[in-house]
Amino acid sequence: MRTFINVVGINEPLFYDPREATAAAYERTPVPGMMTFAVAEGLVIHGTGMAFLHGDFDIKGPLYIADTLTVIVEVAQSRPTSKPGRGLVTTRNTVVNQRGDVVMIYQPVPLTKGGGQA
């Protein structure tokens, strides 16, 4: 995680100093929301994504270091683009931790390989 926060420039002590996390009323050191999103998207796209076009994000609660995350993907809409072999697939992705707590819900609209057919 330290590499991620350094690379993206989130040099916030909350994410690497347990004392800061405790002072901010977290039970342990939290993971940045954008890292949660990055890992969740990495689990979902697996070679189909071409471009991330739009997304709505709602962080519901913290993900902590050493938590396990699962992404539940529901297809909301899909359609082909004017170029063959490409499509737009809108999903609702719910990220949960190992206890089943929802930590993030996001709705991405990526350009994908394929015809955009559900």
C-alpha atoms as a PDB file:
ATOM      1  CA  MET A   1       0.000   0.000   0.000  1.00  0.00           C
ATOM      2  CA  ARG A   2       2.841   2.369   0.760  1.00  0.00           C
ATOM      3  CA  THR A   3       4.004   2.185  -2.858  1.00  0.00           C
ATOM      4  CA  PHE A   4       0.492   2.990  -4.103  1.00  0.00           C
ATOM      5  CA  ILE A   5       0.096   6.055  -1.889  1.00  0.00           C
ATOM      6  CA  ASN A   6       3.556   7.302  -2.859  1.00  0.00           C
ATOM      7  CA  VAL A   7       3.005   6.778  -6.594  1.00  0.00           C
ATOM      8  CA  VAL A   8      -0.357   8.548  -6.666  1.00  0.00           C
ATOM      9  CA  GLY A   9       0.726  11.249  -4.221  1.00  0.00           C
ATOM     10  CA  ILE A  10      -1.668  10.599  -1.344  1.00  0.00           C
ATOM     11  CA  ASN A  11       0.985  11.241   1.256  1.00  0.00           C
ATOM     12  CA  GLU A  12      -1.556  11.257   4.069  1.00  0.00           C
ATOM     13  CA  PRO A  13      -0.301   9.869   7.413  1.00  0.00           C
ATOM     14  CA  LEU A  14      -3.743   8.367   8.011  1.00  0.00           C
ATOM     15  CA  PHE A  15      -2.858   5.676   5.445  1.00  0.00           C
ATOM     16  CA  TYR A  16       0.533   4.653   6.835  1.00  0.00           C
ATOM     17  CA  ASP A  17       0.665   5.630  10.520  1.00  0.00           C
ATOM     18  CA  PRO A  18      -1.572   3.544  12.816  1.00  0.00           C
ATOM     19  CA  ARG A  19      -1.510   6.343  15.417  1.00  0.00           C
ATOM     20  CA  GLU A  20      -3.001   8.767  12.891  1.00  0.00           C
ATOM     21  CA  ALA A  21      -5.678   6.224  11.970  1.00  0.00           C
ATOM     22  CA  THR A  22      -6.578   5.749  15.632  1.00  0.00           C
ATOM     23  CA  ALA A  23      -6.655   9.512  16.206  1.00  0.00           C
ATOM     24  CA  ALA A  24      -9.092   9.797  13.286  1.00  0.00           C
ATOM     25  CA  ALA A  25     -11.367   7.196  14.946  1.00  0.00           C
ATOM     26  CA  TYR A  26     -10.546   4.282  12.613  1.00  0.00           C
ATOM     27  CA  GLU A  27     -10.189   0.858  14.213  1.00  0.00           C
ATOM     28  CA  ARG A  28      -7.060   0.168  12.113  1.00  0.00           C
ATOM     29  CA  THR A  29      -5.161   1.675   9.201  1.00  0.00           C
ATOM     30  CA  PRO A  30      -7.612   2.279   6.315  1.00  0.00           C
ATOM     31  CA  VAL A  31      -6.928   1.730   2.631  1.00  0.00           C
ATOM     32  CA  PRO A  32      -7.442   4.784   0.370  1.00  0.00           C
ATOM     33  CA  GLY A  33     -10.736   4.649  -1.518  1.00  0.00           C
ATOM     34  CA  MET A  34      -8.985   5.030  -4.864  1.00  0.00           C
ATOM     35  CA  MET A  35      -6.842   1.999  -4.068  1.00  0.00           C
ATOM     36  CA  THR A  36      -9.971   0.020  -3.182  1.00  0.00           C
ATOM     37  CA  PHE A  37     -11.398   1.036  -6.566  1.00  0.00           C
ATOM     38  CA  ALA A  38      -8.165   0.159  -8.402  1.00  0.00           C
ATOM     39  CA  VAL A  39      -8.002  -3.326  -6.883  1.00  0.00           C
ATOM     40  CA  ALA A  40     -11.731  -3.921  -7.481  1.00  0.00           C
ATOM     41  CA  GLU A  41     -11.437  -2.896 -11.139  1.00  0.00           C
ATOM     42  CA  GLY A  42      -8.389  -5.102 -11.530  1.00  0.00           C
ATOM     43  CA  LEU A  43     -10.476  -8.059 -10.374  1.00  0.00           C
ATOM     44  CA  VAL A  44     -13.282  -7.228 -12.796  1.00  0.00           C
ATOM     45  CA  ILE A  45     -11.790  -6.198 -16.150  1.00  0.00           C
ATOM     46  CA  HIS A  46      -9.428  -9.122 -16.906  1.00  0.00           C
ATOM     47  CA  GLY A  47      -8.426  -8.260 -20.461  1.00  0.00           C
ATOM     48  CA  THR A  48     -11.759  -6.880 -21.670  1.00  0.00           C
ATOM     49  CA  GLY A  49     -11.348  -3.210 -20.822  1.00  0.00           C
ATOM     50  CA  MET A  50     -10.240  -0.718 -23.458  1.00  0.00           C
ATOM     51  CA  ALA A  51     -10.978   2.633 -21.767  1.00  0.00           C
ATOM     52  CA  PHE A  52     -12.656   3.868 -18.603  1.00  0.00           C
ATOM     53  CA  LEU A  53     -15.165   6.484 -19.788  1.00  0.00           C
ATOM     54  CA  HIS A  54     -17.228   7.401 -16.730  1.00  0.00           C
ATOM     55  CA  GLY A  55     -17.991   6.307 -13.209  1.00  0.00           C
ATOM     56  CA  ASP A  56     -20.083   7.158 -10.160  1.00  0.00           C
ATOM     57  CA  PHE A  57     -18.580   6.240  -6.778  1.00  0.00           C
ATOM     58  CA  ASP A  58     -20.041   5.946  -3.313  1.00  0.00           C
ATOM     59  CA  ILE A  59     -17.749   4.933  -0.476  1.00  0.00           C
ATOM     60  CA  LYS A  60     -19.880   3.300   2.218  1.00  0.00           C
ATOM     61  CA  GLY A  61     -17.235   2.404   4.784  1.00  0.00           C
ATOM     62  CA  PRO A  62     -13.545   1.768   5.264  1.00  0.00           C
ATOM     63  CA  LEU A  63     -11.542  -1.107   3.902  1.00  0.00           C
ATOM     64  CA  TYR A  64      -8.587  -1.865   6.162  1.00  0.00           C
ATOM     65  CA  ILE A  65      -5.130  -3.274   5.609  1.00  0.00           C
ATOM     66  CA  ALA A  66      -5.354  -7.103   5.524  1.00  0.00           C
ATOM     67  CA  ASP A  67      -9.063  -7.093   4.639  1.00  0.00           C
ATOM     68  CA  THR A  68     -10.224  -9.263   1.771  1.00  0.00           C
ATOM     69  CA  LEU A  69     -12.461  -7.726  -0.844  1.00  0.00           C
ATOM     70  CA  THR A  70     -15.004  -9.229  -3.213  1.00  0.00           C
ATOM     71  CA  VAL A  71     -16.708  -7.433  -6.089  1.00  0.00           C
ATOM     72  CA  ILE A  72     -20.307  -8.281  -6.969  1.00  0.00           C
ATOM     73  CA  VAL A  73     -20.998  -7.173 -10.549  1.00  0.00           C
ATOM     74  CA  GLU A  74     -24.507  -6.558 -11.898  1.00  0.00           C
ATOM     75  CA  VAL A  75     -24.891  -5.577 -15.551  1.00  0.00           C
ATOM     76  CA  ALA A  76     -27.256  -2.608 -15.817  1.00  0.00           C
ATOM     77  CA  GLN A  77     -26.963  -1.875 -19.530  1.00  0.00           C
ATOM     78  CA  SER A  78     -24.906  -2.893 -22.528  1.00  0.00           C
ATOM     79  CA  ARG A  79     -24.810  -1.817 -26.136  1.00  0.00           C
ATOM     80  CA  PRO A  80     -22.480  -2.068 -29.109  1.00  0.00           C
ATOM     81  CA  THR A  81     -20.649   1.006 -30.352  1.00  0.00           C
ATOM     82  CA  SER A  82     -20.487   2.143 -33.968  1.00  0.00           C
ATOM     83  CA  LYS A  83     -17.119   0.385 -34.325  1.00  0.00           C
ATOM     84  CA  PRO A  84     -17.288  -3.411 -34.622  1.00  0.00           C
ATOM     85  CA  GLY A  85     -15.904  -5.451 -31.732  1.00  0.00           C
ATOM     86  CA  ARG A  86     -16.492  -2.764 -29.111  1.00  0.00           C
ATOM     87  CA  GLY A  87     -19.244  -2.102 -26.639  1.00  0.00           C
ATOM     88  CA  LEU A  88     -20.297  -0.038 -23.651  1.00  0.00           C
ATOM     89  CA  VAL A  89     -21.268  -2.049 -20.585  1.00  0.00           C
ATOM     90  CA  THR A  90     -22.624  -0.209 -17.558  1.00  0.00           C
ATOM     91  CA  THR A  91     -22.443  -2.202 -14.345  1.00  0.00           C
ATOM     92  CA  ARG A  92     -23.180  -1.701 -10.673  1.00  0.00           C
ATOM     93  CA  ASN A  93     -20.210  -3.030  -8.729  1.00  0.00           C
ATOM     94  CA  THR A  94     -20.592  -3.620  -5.013  1.00  0.00           C
ATOM     95  CA  VAL A  95     -17.360  -4.084  -3.062  1.00  0.00           C
ATOM     96  CA  VAL A  96     -17.647  -6.032   0.185  1.00  0.00           C
ATOM     97  CA  ASN A  97     -15.092  -7.046   2.793  1.00  0.00           C
ATOM     98  CA  GLN A  98     -14.651 -10.508   4.299  1.00  0.00           C
ATOM     99  CA  ARG A  99     -17.469  -9.855   6.786  1.00  0.00           C
ATOM    100  CA  GLY A 100     -19.912  -8.942   4.005  1.00  0.00           C
ATOM    101  CA  ASP A 101     -19.854  -5.234   4.862  1.00  0.00           C
ATOM    102  CA  VAL A 102     -20.367  -3.029   1.805  1.00  0.00           C
ATOM    103  CA  VAL A 103     -17.385  -0.673   1.565  1.00  0.00           C
ATOM    104  CA  MET A 104     -17.961   0.809  -1.906  1.00  0.00           C
ATOM    105  CA  ILE A 105     -20.524   0.879  -4.683  1.00  0.00           C
ATOM    106  CA  TYR A 106     -19.477   2.184  -8.056  1.00  0.00           C
ATOM    107  CA  GLN A 107     -21.037   2.269 -11.490  1.00  0.00           C
ATOM    108  CA  PRO A 108     -18.411   2.271 -14.230  1.00  0.00           C
ATOM    109  CA  VAL A 109     -18.985   2.798 -17.930  1.00  0.00           C
ATOM    110  CA  PRO A 110     -16.016   1.272 -19.740  1.00  0.00           C
ATOM    111  CA  LEU A 111     -15.401   0.780 -23.428  1.00  0.00           C
ATOM    112  CA  THR A 112     -14.916  -2.971 -23.759  1.00  0.00           C
ATOM    113  CA  LYS A 113     -13.834  -5.542 -26.281  1.00  0.00           C
ATOM    114  CA  GLY A 114     -16.791  -7.386 -27.710  1.00  0.00           C
ATOM    115  CA  GLY A 115     -20.166  -6.306 -28.924  1.00  0.00           C
ATOM    116  CA  GLY A 116     -21.596  -4.840 -25.718  1.00  0.00           C
ATOM    117  CA  GLN A 117     -24.203  -7.567 -25.541  1.00  0.00           C
ATOM    118  CA  ALA A 118     -25.341  -8.709 -22.109  1.00  0.00           C
END
